[in-house]
C-alpha atoms as a PDB file:
ATOM      1  CA  MET A   1      80.801 150.278 113.972  1.00  0.00           C
ATOM      2  CA  GLU A   2      84.290 149.825 112.587  1.00  0.00           C
ATOM      3  CA  LEU A   3      86.167 146.634 113.207  1.00  0.00           C
ATOM      4  CA  THR A   4      89.097 148.422 114.706  1.00  0.00           C
ATOM      5  CA  GLU A   5      86.757 150.102 117.255  1.00  0.00           C
ATOM      6  CA  TRP A   6      86.112 146.840 119.096  1.00  0.00           C
ATOM      7  CA  LEU A   7      89.041 144.603 118.313  1.00  0.00           C
ATOM      8  CA  GLU A   8      91.704 144.545 120.993  1.00  0.00           C
ATOM      9  CA  ILE A   9      95.002 142.769 120.877  1.00  0.00           C
ATOM     10  CA  ASP A  10      96.707 142.273 124.268  1.00  0.00           C
ATOM     11  CA  PRO A  11     100.437 142.080 123.710  1.00  0.00           C
ATOM     12  CA  LYS A  12     100.847 140.641 127.212  1.00  0.00           C
ATOM     13  CA  SER A  13      98.461 137.748 126.633  1.00  0.00           C
ATOM     14  CA  GLU A  14      99.751 134.165 126.518  1.00  0.00           C
ATOM     15  CA  ARG A  15      97.630 133.689 123.421  1.00  0.00           C
ATOM     16  CA  PRO A  16      99.383 134.793 120.184  1.00  0.00           C
ATOM     17  CA  PRO A  17      97.972 137.903 118.393  1.00  0.00           C
ATOM     18  CA  PHE A  18      96.746 135.811 115.514  1.00  0.00           C
ATOM     19  CA  ASP A  19      94.594 133.708 117.825  1.00  0.00           C
ATOM     20  CA  GLN A  20      93.238 136.742 119.597  1.00  0.00           C
ATOM     21  CA  LEU A  21      92.298 138.285 116.274  1.00  0.00           C
ATOM     22  CA  ARG A  22      90.657 135.116 114.974  1.00  0.00           C
ATOM     23  CA  THR A  23      88.665 134.620 118.151  1.00  0.00           C
ATOM     24  CA  GLN A  24      87.418 138.160 118.269  1.00  0.00           C
ATOM     25  CA  ILE A  25      86.391 138.117 114.601  1.00  0.00           C
ATOM     26  CA  ILE A  26      84.453 134.863 115.090  1.00  0.00           C
ATOM     27  CA  GLY A  27      82.846 136.357 118.155  1.00  0.00           C
ATOM     28  CA  GLY A  28      81.847 139.428 116.131  1.00  0.00           C
ATOM     29  CA  VAL A  29      80.150 137.163 113.620  1.00  0.00           C
ATOM     30  CA  ARG A  30      78.300 135.255 116.382  1.00  0.00           C
ATOM     31  CA  ASP A  31      77.061 138.369 118.251  1.00  0.00           C
ATOM     32  CA  GLY A  32      76.128 140.283 115.086  1.00  0.00           C
ATOM     33  CA  ARG A  33      78.827 143.018 115.053  1.00  0.00           C
ATOM     34  CA  LEU A  34      79.972 141.461 111.722  1.00  0.00           C
ATOM     35  CA  THR A  35      77.162 140.661 109.330  1.00  0.00           C
ATOM     36  CA  ALA A  36      76.964 138.713 106.070  1.00  0.00           C
ATOM     37  CA  GLY A  37      78.440 140.687 103.253  1.00  0.00           C
ATOM     38  CA  MET A  38      80.382 143.015 105.496  1.00  0.00           C
ATOM     39  CA  ARG A  39      83.897 143.412 104.200  1.00  0.00           C
ATOM     40  CA  LEU A  40      86.868 143.171 106.564  1.00  0.00           C
ATOM     41  CA  PRO A  41      89.687 145.632 106.314  1.00  0.00           C
ATOM     42  CA  THR A  42      92.378 144.583 103.867  1.00  0.00           C
ATOM     43  CA  VAL A  43      95.619 142.940 104.924  1.00  0.00           C
ATOM     44  CA  ARG A  44      97.364 146.218 104.462  1.00  0.00           C
ATOM     45  CA  ASP A  45      94.791 148.392 106.287  1.00  0.00           C
ATOM     46  CA  LEU A  46      94.226 146.423 109.444  1.00  0.00           C
ATOM     47  CA  PRO A  47      97.758 145.939 110.883  1.00  0.00           C
ATOM     48  CA  GLY A  48      98.459 149.628 111.556  1.00  0.00           C
ATOM     49  CA  PRO A  49      95.604 150.405 113.978  1.00  0.00           C
ATOM     50  CA  LEU A  50      96.071 147.101 115.800  1.00  0.00           C
ATOM     51  CA  ARG A  51      99.876 147.284 115.774  1.00  0.00           C
ATOM     52  CA  LEU A  52     100.153 143.879 114.075  1.00  0.00           C
ATOM     53  CA  ALA A  53     102.497 142.478 111.494  1.00  0.00           C
ATOM     54  CA  VAL A  54     101.037 142.236 108.002  1.00  0.00           C
ATOM     55  CA  ASN A  55     101.793 138.470 108.013  1.00  0.00           C
ATOM     56  CA  THR A  56      99.676 138.039 111.199  1.00  0.00           C
ATOM     57  CA  VAL A  57      96.675 139.631 109.477  1.00  0.00           C
ATOM     58  CA  ALA A  58      97.280 137.774 106.231  1.00  0.00           C
ATOM     59  CA  ARG A  59      97.288 134.515 108.136  1.00  0.00           C
ATOM     60  CA  ARG A  60      94.012 135.440 109.820  1.00  0.00           C
ATOM     61  CA  HIS A  61      92.452 136.262 106.462  1.00  0.00           C
ATOM     62  CA  ARG A  62      93.478 132.975 104.968  1.00  0.00           C
ATOM     63  CA  ASP A  63      92.351 130.865 107.937  1.00  0.00           C
ATOM     64  CA  LEU A  64      88.957 132.588 108.181  1.00  0.00           C
ATOM     65  CA  ASP A  65      88.452 132.329 104.445  1.00  0.00           C
ATOM     66  CA  SER A  66      89.284 128.585 104.597  1.00  0.00           C
ATOM     67  CA  ALA A  67      86.762 128.196 107.440  1.00  0.00           C
ATOM     68  CA  GLY A  68      84.043 129.995 105.408  1.00  0.00           C
ATOM     69  CA  ILE A  69      83.826 132.818 107.831  1.00  0.00           C
END
Protein backbone atom coordinates (compact mmCIF):
# COMPACT_ATOMS: atom_id res chain seq x y z
CA MET A 1 0.00 0.00 0.00
CA GLU A 2 1.29 3.42 -0.93
CA LEU A 3 1.97 5.91 1.84
CA THR A 4 -0.29 8.49 0.26
CA GLU A 5 -3.19 6.00 0.27
CA TRP A 6 -3.48 6.05 4.07
CA LEU A 7 -1.96 9.36 5.15
CA GLU A 8 -4.52 12.08 5.77
CA ILE A 9 -3.82 15.66 6.68
CA ASP A 10 -6.76 17.54 8.19
CA PRO A 11 -6.36 21.23 7.37
CA LYS A 12 -8.99 22.09 10.02
CA SER A 13 -7.14 20.29 12.81
CA GLU A 14 -5.60 22.25 15.67
CA ARG A 15 -2.47 20.12 15.22
CA PRO A 16 -0.10 21.49 12.56
CA PRO A 17 0.28 19.45 9.35
CA PHE A 18 3.87 18.59 10.25
CA ASP A 19 2.75 16.98 13.52
CA GLN A 20 -0.08 15.10 11.82
CA LEU A 21 2.33 13.73 9.24
CA ARG A 22 4.94 12.71 11.83
CA THR A 23 2.36 11.01 14.06
CA GLN A 24 0.83 9.07 11.17
CA ILE A 25 4.20 7.87 9.88
CA ILE A 26 5.24 6.71 13.35
CA GLY A 27 1.86 4.96 13.64
CA GLY A 28 2.51 3.28 10.28
CA VAL A 29 5.82 1.94 11.58
CA ARG A 30 4.18 0.66 14.76
CA ASP A 31 1.29 -1.10 13.02
CA GLY A 32 3.40 -2.56 10.21
CA ARG A 33 2.19 -0.48 7.26
CA LEU A 34 5.75 0.85 7.02
CA THR A 35 8.39 -1.84 7.29
CA ALA A 36 12.16 -1.79 7.71
CA GLY A 37 13.88 -0.84 4.48
CA MET A 38 10.75 0.70 2.97
CA ARG A 39 11.58 4.02 1.34
CA LEU A 40 9.42 7.03 2.00
CA PRO A 41 8.46 9.30 -0.90
CA THR A 42 10.95 12.08 -1.49
CA VAL A 43 10.58 15.61 -0.21
CA ARG A 44 9.52 16.63 -3.72
CA ASP A 45 7.12 13.72 -4.37
CA LEU A 46 5.06 13.73 -1.18
CA PRO A 47 3.80 17.32 -0.86
CA GLY A 48 1.61 17.27 -3.98
CA PRO A 49 -0.74 14.40 -3.10
CA LEU A 50 -1.08 15.64 0.49
CA ARG A 51 -1.28 19.33 -0.43
CA LEU A 52 1.58 20.24 1.85
CA ALA A 53 4.45 22.66 1.52
CA VAL A 54 7.80 21.17 0.57
CA ASN A 55 9.32 22.64 3.75
CA THR A 56 6.74 20.80 5.88
CA VAL A 57 7.73 17.48 4.33
CA ALA A 58 11.45 18.31 4.53
CA ARG A 59 11.10 19.05 8.24
CA ARG A 60 9.31 15.74 8.76
CA HIS A 61 12.08 13.87 6.93
CA ARG A 62 14.79 15.53 9.04
CA ASP A 63 13.03 14.92 12.35
CA LEU A 64 12.20 11.29 11.61
CA ASP A 65 15.74 10.67 10.40
CA SER A 66 17.15 12.24 13.58
CA ALA A 67 14.86 10.01 15.65
CA GLY A 68 16.07 6.91 13.78
CA ILE A 69 12.68 6.17 12.26
